[in-house]
Amino acid sequence: MPGYVPPAPKVVLEGNYSTWTIYDSFDDAGAADTTYGQEAVVNREETVIVIIDCLSAEVVKSYTISTKTLSGALISALKWAYNYYTEQISCKSAYGTYFVAHNTENLYVLKNGSIVKTLSATALGFNAGTIRSVSISLKGKYTIASGQRTVTGNPGWVVLVGS
């Protein structure tokens, strides 16, 4: 049909997930072992996680999801504008379908206002009472938590993948 222009493909901004399981877990010796000392930001394509240490080593690293590889420090001696009075205890997906929150004992994933997943620190592979921070990707597929890892006793990360 001459002149017909098909509609642009629909862009999926958030996924449809009901559970999250551990995809990877790793130490991060440069991370502060303190609550709210870290943040993780997942890119739009959900291929790379930028890991930011706000307090201890003050570094930025990247984690490649497909290869499960953590880089060395990309930026050092970071002067982070960190506000101790607005500590991050929660994070949301692009349109708020998914919301993650935590205390030191549990990570909670909410979908459309209902809790769909609760993971204890020990279920995440962290020592009890040591969940430090949580983040979620824009599409809700990846949830990232920092804490003190049971296996090594070191600060580290757990990457959860939604299905």
C-alpha atoms as a PDB file:
ATOM      1  CA  MET A   1       0.000   0.000   0.000  1.00  0.00           C
ATOM      2  CA  PRO A   2       1.713   3.183  -1.169  1.00  0.00           C
ATOM      3  CA  GLY A   3       2.336   5.813   1.485  1.00  0.00           C
ATOM      4  CA  TYR A   4       1.526   3.448   4.363  1.00  0.00           C
ATOM      5  CA  VAL A   5       3.853   3.860   7.296  1.00  0.00           C
ATOM      6  CA  PRO A   6       3.583   1.069   9.864  1.00  0.00           C
ATOM      7  CA  PRO A   7       3.380   2.139  13.495  1.00  0.00           C
ATOM      8  CA  ALA A   8       6.592   2.263  15.471  1.00  0.00           C
ATOM      9  CA  PRO A   9       7.189  -0.779  17.655  1.00  0.00           C
ATOM     10  CA  LYS A  10       5.925  -0.413  21.192  1.00  0.00           C
ATOM     11  CA  VAL A  11       8.727   0.302  23.630  1.00  0.00           C
ATOM     12  CA  VAL A  12       8.471  -1.880  26.715  1.00  0.00           C
ATOM     13  CA  LEU A  13       9.466   0.268  29.657  1.00  0.00           C
ATOM     14  CA  GLU A  14       8.907  -2.256  32.432  1.00  0.00           C
ATOM     15  CA  GLY A  15       8.869  -6.031  32.493  1.00  0.00           C
ATOM     16  CA  ASN A  16       6.368  -8.454  33.982  1.00  0.00           C
ATOM     17  CA  TYR A  17       8.153 -10.241  36.811  1.00  0.00           C
ATOM     18  CA  SER A  18       6.792 -12.101  39.802  1.00  0.00           C
ATOM     19  CA  THR A  19       9.906 -13.491  41.442  1.00  0.00           C
ATOM     20  CA  TRP A  20      13.597 -12.689  41.708  1.00  0.00           C
ATOM     21  CA  THR A  21      16.411 -15.202  42.190  1.00  0.00           C
ATOM     22  CA  ILE A  22      20.123 -14.784  42.796  1.00  0.00           C
ATOM     23  CA  TYR A  23      21.988 -14.294  39.519  1.00  0.00           C
ATOM     24  CA  ASP A  24      25.406 -13.489  41.010  1.00  0.00           C
ATOM     25  CA  SER A  25      27.108 -12.568  44.261  1.00  0.00           C
ATOM     26  CA  PHE A  26      30.561 -11.080  44.692  1.00  0.00           C
ATOM     27  CA  ASP A  27      32.887  -9.284  47.087  1.00  0.00           C
ATOM     28  CA  ASP A  28      33.707  -5.624  46.645  1.00  0.00           C
ATOM     29  CA  ALA A  29      36.656  -4.906  48.901  1.00  0.00           C
ATOM     30  CA  GLY A  30      36.423  -1.204  48.148  1.00  0.00           C
ATOM     31  CA  ALA A  31      32.835  -0.903  49.366  1.00  0.00           C
ATOM     32  CA  ALA A  32      31.958   0.684  52.664  1.00  0.00           C
ATOM     33  CA  ASP A  33      30.570  -1.830  55.138  1.00  0.00           C
ATOM     34  CA  THR A  34      27.954   0.602  56.340  1.00  0.00           C
ATOM     35  CA  THR A  35      24.274   1.141  55.647  1.00  0.00           C
ATOM     36  CA  TYR A  36      23.506   3.473  52.712  1.00  0.00           C
ATOM     37  CA  GLY A  37      27.168   3.604  51.694  1.00  0.00           C
ATOM     38  CA  GLN A  38      26.586   2.293  48.169  1.00  0.00           C
ATOM     39  CA  GLU A  39      24.341   2.704  45.187  1.00  0.00           C
ATOM     40  CA  ALA A  40      23.869   0.725  41.981  1.00  0.00           C
ATOM     41  CA  VAL A  41      22.505   2.112  38.695  1.00  0.00           C
ATOM     42  CA  VAL A  42      21.536  -0.203  35.809  1.00  0.00           C
ATOM     43  CA  ASN A  43      21.716   1.160  32.257  1.00  0.00           C
ATOM     44  CA  ARG A  44      18.644   1.234  29.995  1.00  0.00           C
ATOM     45  CA  GLU A  45      19.702  -1.866  28.047  1.00  0.00           C
ATOM     46  CA  GLU A  46      20.199  -3.756  31.345  1.00  0.00           C
ATOM     47  CA  THR A  47      23.706  -4.836  30.372  1.00  0.00           C
ATOM     48  CA  VAL A  48      25.858  -2.861  32.812  1.00  0.00           C
ATOM     49  CA  ILE A  49      25.507  -1.891  36.456  1.00  0.00           C
ATOM     50  CA  VAL A  50      27.412   1.161  37.664  1.00  0.00           C
ATOM     51  CA  ILE A  51      28.406   0.574  41.289  1.00  0.00           C
ATOM     52  CA  ILE A  52      29.085   3.641  43.373  1.00  0.00           C
ATOM     53  CA  ASP A  53      30.752   3.584  46.777  1.00  0.00           C
ATOM     54  CA  CYS A  54      29.791   6.779  48.550  1.00  0.00           C
ATOM     55  CA  LEU A  55      31.711   6.498  51.786  1.00  0.00           C
ATOM     56  CA  SER A  56      34.749   4.242  51.977  1.00  0.00           C
ATOM     57  CA  ALA A  57      36.946   4.048  48.891  1.00  0.00           C
ATOM     58  CA  GLU A  58      34.801   6.653  47.096  1.00  0.00           C
ATOM     59  CA  VAL A  59      35.071   4.888  43.753  1.00  0.00           C
ATOM     60  CA  VAL A  60      32.909   4.095  40.744  1.00  0.00           C
ATOM     61  CA  LYS A  61      33.107   0.618  39.155  1.00  0.00           C
ATOM     62  CA  SER A  62      31.119  -1.169  36.483  1.00  0.00           C
ATOM     63  CA  TYR A  63      29.702  -4.681  36.508  1.00  0.00           C
ATOM     64  CA  THR A  64      28.966  -6.374  33.181  1.00  0.00           C
ATOM     65  CA  ILE A  65      25.857  -8.509  33.659  1.00  0.00           C
ATOM     66  CA  SER A  66      26.426 -11.049  30.851  1.00  0.00           C
ATOM     67  CA  THR A  67      29.995 -11.888  31.896  1.00  0.00           C
ATOM     68  CA  LYS A  68      29.537 -11.326  35.642  1.00  0.00           C
ATOM     69  CA  THR A  69      32.656  -9.136  35.627  1.00  0.00           C
ATOM     70  CA  LEU A  70      33.410  -6.314  38.070  1.00  0.00           C
ATOM     71  CA  SER A  71      35.849  -3.698  36.812  1.00  0.00           C
ATOM     72  CA  GLY A  72      38.532  -2.003  38.811  1.00  0.00           C
ATOM     73  CA  ALA A  73      38.011   1.578  39.920  1.00  0.00           C
ATOM     74  CA  LEU A  74      36.962   3.796  37.008  1.00  0.00           C
ATOM     75  CA  ILE A  75      36.875   6.950  39.111  1.00  0.00           C
ATOM     76  CA  SER A  76      38.757   7.291  42.397  1.00  0.00           C
ATOM     77  CA  ALA A  77      38.617   9.815  45.218  1.00  0.00           C
ATOM     78  CA  LEU A  78      35.057  10.579  44.224  1.00  0.00           C
ATOM     79  CA  LYS A  79      33.624  13.556  46.021  1.00  0.00           C
ATOM     80  CA  TRP A  80      30.075  12.341  46.375  1.00  0.00           C
ATOM     81  CA  ALA A  81      27.313  14.707  47.342  1.00  0.00           C
ATOM     82  CA  TYR A  82      25.838  12.365  49.910  1.00  0.00           C
ATOM     83  CA  ASN A  83      23.064  13.543  52.189  1.00  0.00           C
ATOM     84  CA  TYR A  84      22.855  11.529  55.388  1.00  0.00           C
ATOM     85  CA  TYR A  85      19.364  12.914  56.063  1.00  0.00           C
ATOM     86  CA  THR A  86      17.835  11.516  52.868  1.00  0.00           C
ATOM     87  CA  GLU A  87      19.319   8.047  53.021  1.00  0.00           C
ATOM     88  CA  GLN A  88      18.155   5.734  50.251  1.00  0.00           C
ATOM     89  CA  ILE A  89      16.059   2.958  51.721  1.00  0.00           C
ATOM     90  CA  SER A  90      13.983   2.406  48.604  1.00  0.00           C
ATOM     91  CA  CYS A  91      14.088   2.610  44.828  1.00  0.00           C
ATOM     92  CA  LYS A  92      11.536   2.253  41.997  1.00  0.00           C
ATOM     93  CA  SER A  93      11.333   1.107  38.385  1.00  0.00           C
ATOM     94  CA  ALA A  94      10.643   3.567  35.535  1.00  0.00           C
ATOM     95  CA  TYR A  95       6.918   4.013  36.179  1.00  0.00           C
ATOM     96  CA  GLY A  96       6.770   2.687  39.714  1.00  0.00           C
ATOM     97  CA  THR A  97       5.360  -0.742  38.893  1.00  0.00           C
ATOM     98  CA  TYR A  98       8.193  -2.192  40.974  1.00  0.00           C
ATOM     99  CA  PHE A  99       9.458  -0.770  44.211  1.00  0.00           C
ATOM    100  CA  VAL A 100      12.229  -2.177  46.404  1.00  0.00           C
ATOM    101  CA  ALA A 101      12.784  -1.277  50.014  1.00  0.00           C
ATOM    102  CA  HIS A 102      14.887  -2.669  52.820  1.00  0.00           C
ATOM    103  CA  ASN A 103      15.838  -2.600  56.418  1.00  0.00           C
ATOM    104  CA  THR A 104      18.976  -4.313  57.709  1.00  0.00           C
ATOM    105  CA  GLU A 105      17.181  -7.684  57.917  1.00  0.00           C
ATOM    106  CA  ASN A 106      14.962  -7.896  54.804  1.00  0.00           C
ATOM    107  CA  LEU A 107      14.689  -6.799  51.185  1.00  0.00           C
ATOM    108  CA  TYR A 108      11.119  -6.261  49.938  1.00  0.00           C
ATOM    109  CA  VAL A 109       9.970  -6.149  46.304  1.00  0.00           C
ATOM    110  CA  LEU A 110       6.564  -4.650  45.662  1.00  0.00           C
ATOM    111  CA  LYS A 111       4.638  -4.823  42.396  1.00  0.00           C
ATOM    112  CA  ASN A 112       1.730  -2.444  41.914  1.00  0.00           C
ATOM    113  CA  GLY A 113       1.552  -1.776  45.630  1.00  0.00           C
ATOM    114  CA  SER A 114       1.667  -5.382  46.885  1.00  0.00           C
ATOM    115  CA  ILE A 115       4.648  -7.219  48.340  1.00  0.00           C
ATOM    116  CA  VAL A 116       5.548 -10.009  45.904  1.00  0.00           C
ATOM    117  CA  LYS A 117       8.926 -11.019  47.305  1.00  0.00           C
ATOM    118  CA  THR A 118      10.635 -10.797  50.691  1.00  0.00           C
ATOM    119  CA  LEU A 119      14.231 -11.943  51.045  1.00  0.00           C
ATOM    120  CA  SER A 120      16.058 -12.062  54.356  1.00  0.00           C
ATOM    121  CA  ALA A 121      19.687 -11.036  54.677  1.00  0.00           C
ATOM    122  CA  THR A 122      20.642 -14.699  55.088  1.00  0.00           C
ATOM    123  CA  ALA A 123      18.645 -15.738  51.990  1.00  0.00           C
ATOM    124  CA  LEU A 124      20.673 -13.150  50.058  1.00  0.00           C
ATOM    125  CA  GLY A 125      23.920 -14.633  51.379  1.00  0.00           C
ATOM    126  CA  PHE A 126      24.549 -11.764  53.788  1.00  0.00           C
ATOM    127  CA  ASN A 127      25.194 -11.943  57.512  1.00  0.00           C
ATOM    128  CA  ALA A 128      22.043 -11.255  59.537  1.00  0.00           C
ATOM    129  CA  GLY A 129      21.363  -7.562  59.938  1.00  0.00           C
ATOM    130  CA  THR A 130      23.778  -6.405  57.247  1.00  0.00           C
ATOM    131  CA  ILE A 131      21.696  -5.406  54.218  1.00  0.00           C
ATOM    132  CA  ARG A 132      23.187  -2.007  53.359  1.00  0.00           C
ATOM    133  CA  SER A 133      21.422  -0.737  50.229  1.00  0.00           C
ATOM    134  CA  VAL A 134      19.063  -1.793  47.429  1.00  0.00           C
ATOM    135  CA  SER A 135      18.524  -0.634  43.848  1.00  0.00           C
ATOM    136  CA  ILE A 136      16.338  -1.814  40.959  1.00  0.00           C
ATOM    137  CA  SER A 137      16.696  -1.474  37.205  1.00  0.00           C
ATOM    138  CA  LEU A 138      14.307   0.745  35.239  1.00  0.00           C
ATOM    139  CA  LYS A 139      12.469  -2.291  33.811  1.00  0.00           C
ATOM    140  CA  GLY A 140      12.369  -4.074  37.175  1.00  0.00           C
ATOM    141  CA  LYS A 141      14.347  -7.076  35.940  1.00  0.00           C
ATOM    142  CA  TYR A 142      17.413  -6.643  38.147  1.00  0.00           C
ATOM    143  CA  THR A 143      17.473  -5.915  41.859  1.00  0.00           C
ATOM    144  CA  ILE A 144      20.852  -5.216  43.414  1.00  0.00           C
ATOM    145  CA  ALA A 145      21.627  -5.323  47.130  1.00  0.00           C
ATOM    146  CA  SER A 146      24.795  -4.641  49.065  1.00  0.00           C
ATOM    147  CA  GLY A 147      25.726  -6.121  52.404  1.00  0.00           C
ATOM    148  CA  GLN A 148      28.267  -8.144  54.346  1.00  0.00           C
ATOM    149  CA  ARG A 149      28.668 -11.511  52.608  1.00  0.00           C
ATOM    150  CA  THR A 150      28.412 -14.615  54.801  1.00  0.00           C
ATOM    151  CA  VAL A 151      30.903 -16.628  52.751  1.00  0.00           C
ATOM    152  CA  THR A 152      33.782 -14.171  53.168  1.00  0.00           C
ATOM    153  CA  GLY A 153      32.700 -11.623  55.767  1.00  0.00           C
ATOM    154  CA  ASN A 154      33.558  -8.890  53.245  1.00  0.00           C
ATOM    155  CA  PRO A 155      31.307  -6.167  51.864  1.00  0.00           C
ATOM    156  CA  GLY A 156      29.767  -7.203  48.576  1.00  0.00           C
ATOM    157  CA  TRP A 157      26.814  -7.342  46.247  1.00  0.00           C
ATOM    158  CA  VAL A 158      24.025  -9.674  45.220  1.00  0.00           C
ATOM    159  CA  VAL A 159      22.404  -9.305  41.800  1.00  0.00           C
ATOM    160  CA  LEU A 160      18.883 -10.734  41.545  1.00  0.00           C
ATOM    161  CA  VAL A 161      17.158 -11.405  38.219  1.00  0.00           C
ATOM    162  CA  GLY A 162      13.423 -11.314  37.698  1.00  0.00           C
ATOM    163  CA  SER A 163      11.373 -13.954  35.931  1.00  0.00           C
END
